[in-house]
Protein backbone atom coordinates (compact mmCIF):
# COMPACT_ATOMS: atom_id res chain seq x y z
CA UNK A 1 121.55 147.94 98.90
CA UNK A 2 124.04 148.82 96.15
CA UNK A 3 123.52 148.34 92.41
CA UNK A 4 125.97 146.29 90.39
CA UNK A 5 127.45 147.92 87.30
CA UNK A 6 127.63 144.69 85.30
CA UNK A 7 124.22 143.45 86.44
CA UNK A 8 121.99 146.50 87.04
CA UNK A 9 119.04 144.32 88.04
CA UNK A 10 120.97 142.92 90.99
CA UNK A 11 121.17 144.52 94.44
CA UNK A 12 124.14 143.81 96.67
CA UNK A 13 123.41 143.62 100.42
CA UNK A 14 126.12 146.12 101.37
CA UNK A 15 125.19 146.16 105.07
CA UNK A 16 125.46 142.38 105.31
CA UNK A 17 128.74 142.47 103.39
CA UNK A 18 130.07 144.98 105.92
CA UNK A 19 128.88 142.87 108.85
CA UNK A 20 130.49 139.77 107.36
CA UNK A 21 133.79 141.62 106.88
CA UNK A 22 133.73 142.82 110.49
CA UNK A 23 132.85 139.31 111.71
CA UNK A 24 135.82 137.91 109.77
CA UNK A 25 138.13 140.50 111.32
CA UNK A 26 136.86 139.84 114.85
CA UNK A 27 137.18 136.08 114.35
CA UNK A 28 140.69 136.62 113.02
CA UNK A 29 141.63 138.65 116.09
CA UNK A 30 140.31 135.90 118.38
CA UNK A 31 142.24 133.25 116.46
CA UNK A 32 145.38 135.36 116.66
CA UNK A 33 144.99 135.61 120.44
CA UNK A 34 144.52 131.85 120.86
CA UNK A 35 147.51 131.01 118.65
CA UNK A 36 149.70 133.53 120.48
CA UNK A 37 148.78 132.17 123.91
CA UNK A 38 151.67 129.67 124.00
CA UNK A 39 154.29 132.42 123.66
CA UNK A 40 155.49 133.38 127.15
CA UNK A 41 158.26 135.96 127.07
CA UNK A 42 160.44 136.88 130.01
CA UNK A 43 159.66 139.98 131.98
CA UNK A 44 155.88 139.40 132.04
CA UNK A 45 155.43 141.44 128.87
CA UNK A 46 152.20 141.36 126.90
CA UNK A 47 153.25 138.65 124.47
CA UNK A 48 149.97 138.72 122.51
CA UNK A 49 150.59 142.17 121.02
CA UNK A 50 146.85 142.67 120.54
CA UNK A 51 144.76 145.81 120.28
CA UNK A 52 141.78 144.67 122.33
CA UNK A 53 140.02 148.02 122.21
CA UNK A 54 140.10 148.00 118.41
CA UNK A 55 138.68 144.47 118.32
CA UNK A 56 135.95 145.45 120.77
CA UNK A 57 135.02 148.44 118.61
CA UNK A 58 134.81 146.22 115.53
CA UNK A 59 132.67 143.67 117.38
CA UNK A 60 130.26 146.37 118.58
CA UNK A 61 130.02 147.86 115.09
CA UNK A 62 129.34 144.39 113.67
CA UNK A 63 126.49 143.77 116.11
CA UNK A 64 125.00 147.22 115.48
CA UNK A 65 125.13 146.61 111.72
CA UNK A 66 123.42 143.22 112.00
CA UNK A 67 120.76 144.65 114.31
CA UNK A 68 120.11 147.51 111.88
CA UNK A 69 119.64 145.00 109.04
CA UNK A 70 117.26 142.85 111.10
CA UNK A 71 115.24 145.85 112.26
CA UNK A 72 114.85 147.07 108.68
CA UNK A 73 114.04 143.65 107.26
CA UNK A 74 110.56 143.30 105.78
CA UNK A 75 109.31 139.96 104.51
CA UNK A 76 106.51 139.71 101.97
CA UNK A 77 105.27 136.18 102.60
CA UNK A 78 102.96 136.14 99.58
CA UNK A 79 105.67 137.34 97.21
CA UNK A 80 108.17 134.86 98.65
CA UNK A 81 105.73 131.97 98.30
CA UNK A 82 104.94 133.03 94.74
CA UNK A 83 108.65 132.98 93.86
CA UNK A 84 109.13 129.50 95.34
CA UNK A 85 106.02 128.09 93.66
CA UNK A 86 107.13 129.49 90.30
CA UNK A 87 110.28 127.36 90.18
CA UNK A 88 111.48 123.87 91.06
CA UNK A 89 113.44 124.33 94.29
CA UNK A 90 111.19 121.84 96.12
CA UNK A 91 112.01 118.98 93.74
CA UNK A 92 114.99 118.22 95.97
CA UNK A 93 112.55 117.21 98.71
CA UNK A 94 110.68 115.06 96.19
CA UNK A 95 113.90 113.18 95.45
CA UNK A 96 114.57 112.76 99.16
CA UNK A 97 111.06 111.35 99.69
CA UNK A 98 111.57 108.81 96.89
CA UNK A 99 114.80 107.74 98.53
CA UNK A 100 113.43 107.54 102.09
CA UNK A 101 110.01 106.04 101.44
CA UNK A 102 110.47 104.02 98.26
CA UNK A 103 114.12 103.05 98.48
CA UNK A 104 115.01 104.66 95.14
CA UNK A 105 118.80 105.15 95.01
CA UNK A 106 119.91 108.71 95.75
CA UNK A 107 121.43 109.47 92.34
CA UNK A 108 118.47 108.03 90.43
CA UNK A 109 115.90 109.90 92.52
CA UNK A 110 117.73 113.17 91.92
CA UNK A 111 118.13 112.39 88.23
CA UNK A 112 114.35 112.01 88.02
CA UNK A 113 113.83 115.30 89.89
CA UNK A 114 116.28 117.03 87.55
CA UNK A 115 114.52 115.77 84.41
CA UNK A 116 111.19 116.79 85.92
CA UNK A 117 112.47 120.32 86.44
CA UNK A 118 113.90 120.42 82.91
CA UNK A 119 110.55 119.39 81.44
CA UNK A 120 108.61 121.93 83.48
CA UNK A 121 110.91 124.81 82.63
CA UNK A 122 111.01 123.85 78.96
CA UNK A 123 107.21 123.97 78.79
CA UNK A 124 106.94 126.99 81.11
CA UNK A 125 104.94 125.05 83.69
CA UNK A 126 105.12 125.70 87.44
CA UNK A 127 105.37 122.54 89.58
CA UNK A 128 101.67 122.65 90.50
CA UNK A 129 100.68 122.43 86.81
CA UNK A 130 102.79 119.43 85.84
CA UNK A 131 100.70 116.74 84.08
CA UNK A 132 100.80 113.76 86.41
CA UNK A 133 100.84 111.26 83.55
CA UNK A 134 103.95 113.00 82.21
CA UNK A 135 105.52 112.78 85.67
CA UNK A 136 104.98 109.01 85.67
CA UNK A 137 106.32 108.78 82.12
CA UNK A 138 109.53 110.61 83.03
CA UNK A 139 109.95 108.39 86.09
CA UNK A 140 109.50 105.24 84.00
CA UNK A 141 112.07 106.47 81.48
CA UNK A 142 114.66 107.17 84.17
CA UNK A 143 114.05 103.79 85.84
CA UNK A 144 114.33 101.96 82.50
CA UNK A 145 117.66 103.68 81.78
CA UNK A 146 119.19 103.20 85.22
CA UNK A 147 117.61 100.22 87.02
CA UNK A 148 117.68 96.52 86.12
CA UNK A 149 114.05 96.02 87.16
CA UNK A 150 110.94 98.07 86.50
CA UNK A 151 109.59 100.07 89.44
CA UNK A 152 106.11 101.54 89.51
CA UNK A 153 105.96 105.20 90.48
CA UNK A 154 105.39 104.91 94.25
CA UNK A 155 103.47 108.14 94.88
CA UNK A 156 99.83 108.91 94.26
CA UNK A 157 98.91 112.12 92.46
CA UNK A 158 97.83 113.79 95.70
CA UNK A 159 100.97 112.71 97.56
CA UNK A 160 103.22 113.77 94.70
CA UNK A 161 101.90 117.33 94.58
CA UNK A 162 101.84 117.61 98.37
CA UNK A 163 105.60 117.01 98.47
CA UNK A 164 106.07 119.94 96.08
CA UNK A 165 104.38 122.27 98.57
CA UNK A 166 107.01 124.54 100.19
CA UNK A 167 105.29 124.36 103.59
CA UNK A 168 105.39 120.55 103.56
CA UNK A 169 109.05 120.60 102.60
CA UNK A 170 109.83 122.80 105.61
CA UNK A 171 107.67 120.87 108.05
CA UNK A 172 109.04 117.49 106.96
CA UNK A 173 112.67 118.54 107.35
CA UNK A 174 113.29 117.14 110.83
CA UNK A 175 117.08 117.19 110.81
CA UNK A 176 119.04 118.74 113.66
CA UNK A 177 119.45 122.43 112.87
CA UNK A 178 116.85 122.22 110.10
CA UNK A 179 114.01 124.51 109.08
CA UNK A 180 111.19 122.67 110.82
CA UNK A 181 109.33 125.24 112.99
CA UNK A 182 109.73 123.12 116.12
CA UNK A 183 113.46 122.77 115.51
CA UNK A 184 113.84 126.50 114.86
CA UNK A 185 112.01 127.23 118.12
CA UNK A 186 114.27 124.78 119.97
CA UNK A 187 117.35 126.57 118.63
CA UNK A 188 115.93 129.97 119.59
CA UNK A 189 115.10 128.74 123.09
CA UNK A 190 118.60 127.34 123.51
CA UNK A 191 120.18 130.57 122.25
CA UNK A 192 117.99 132.62 124.61
CA UNK A 193 118.98 130.39 127.53
CA UNK A 194 122.67 130.72 126.69
CA UNK A 195 122.31 134.49 126.35
CA UNK A 196 120.74 134.61 129.81
CA UNK A 197 123.65 132.64 131.26
CA UNK A 198 126.16 134.97 129.61
CA UNK A 199 124.32 138.04 130.89
CA UNK A 200 124.27 136.59 134.42
CA UNK A 201 127.99 135.82 134.22
CA UNK A 202 128.70 139.33 132.94
CA UNK A 203 126.71 140.92 135.76
CA UNK A 204 128.44 138.91 138.50
CA UNK A 205 131.86 139.47 136.94
CA UNK A 206 131.30 143.21 136.75
CA UNK A 207 130.19 143.21 140.39
CA UNK A 208 133.33 141.31 141.42
CA UNK A 209 135.53 143.74 139.50
CA UNK A 210 133.72 146.68 141.05
CA UNK A 211 134.20 145.33 144.59
CA UNK A 212 137.83 144.46 143.86
CA UNK A 213 138.42 148.00 142.61
CA UNK A 214 136.80 149.40 145.75
CA UNK A 215 139.01 147.20 147.97
CA UNK A 216 142.09 148.24 146.04
CA UNK A 217 141.17 151.90 146.44
CA UNK A 218 140.63 151.44 150.19
CA UNK A 219 143.96 149.64 150.55
CA UNK A 220 145.74 152.39 148.64
CA UNK A 221 144.11 155.12 150.74
CA UNK A 222 145.05 153.29 153.95
CA UNK A 223 148.61 152.94 152.69
CA UNK A 224 148.80 156.69 152.07
CA UNK A 225 147.49 157.45 155.56
CA UNK A 226 150.16 155.32 157.16
């Protein structure tokens, strides 16, 4: 981590920045190779003009850097949960629930969530300490200003606060590629399966190259003998 001169309280993730730079360079090299593939010069020259060894070195350095970051990563679950509970990041899920379950239009639901966060921050209240009657009052005000007909706040007190729980927000997010534990496990399983296929392919390819090299050596030796 590196300190910022303008913001001394901030720490820049220098290792991740380095890994991202290397990833960009490797991706750029791959794109260059694919774009150059249609150029076929006479004489069977290497039309790509690529330094593969340099790209390979960058790719290996990138992977080593990412692995070093992951190995040194320590997560304080209690501190992380405390940070989330202290602010209003979960109000987005509250707005989504109002849209999905109660049919409140997207913009109006998010306007309500925004005003809720403004009220809480103004009065230095974490989400768990919001007065429920004030929540209903803010909802009624937003509906009066934006909807032609009055709508009663559709969530009970218990349901309202449950949707502000970070764990519920994660578990309820069932979208493809989302943060739901089951979805994360599915992605990990798929990645592990693909990695196994790549490793198998690499092993068989290396074996084929090894045998081809041995055959070539034998053919060359036989040619010399004759």
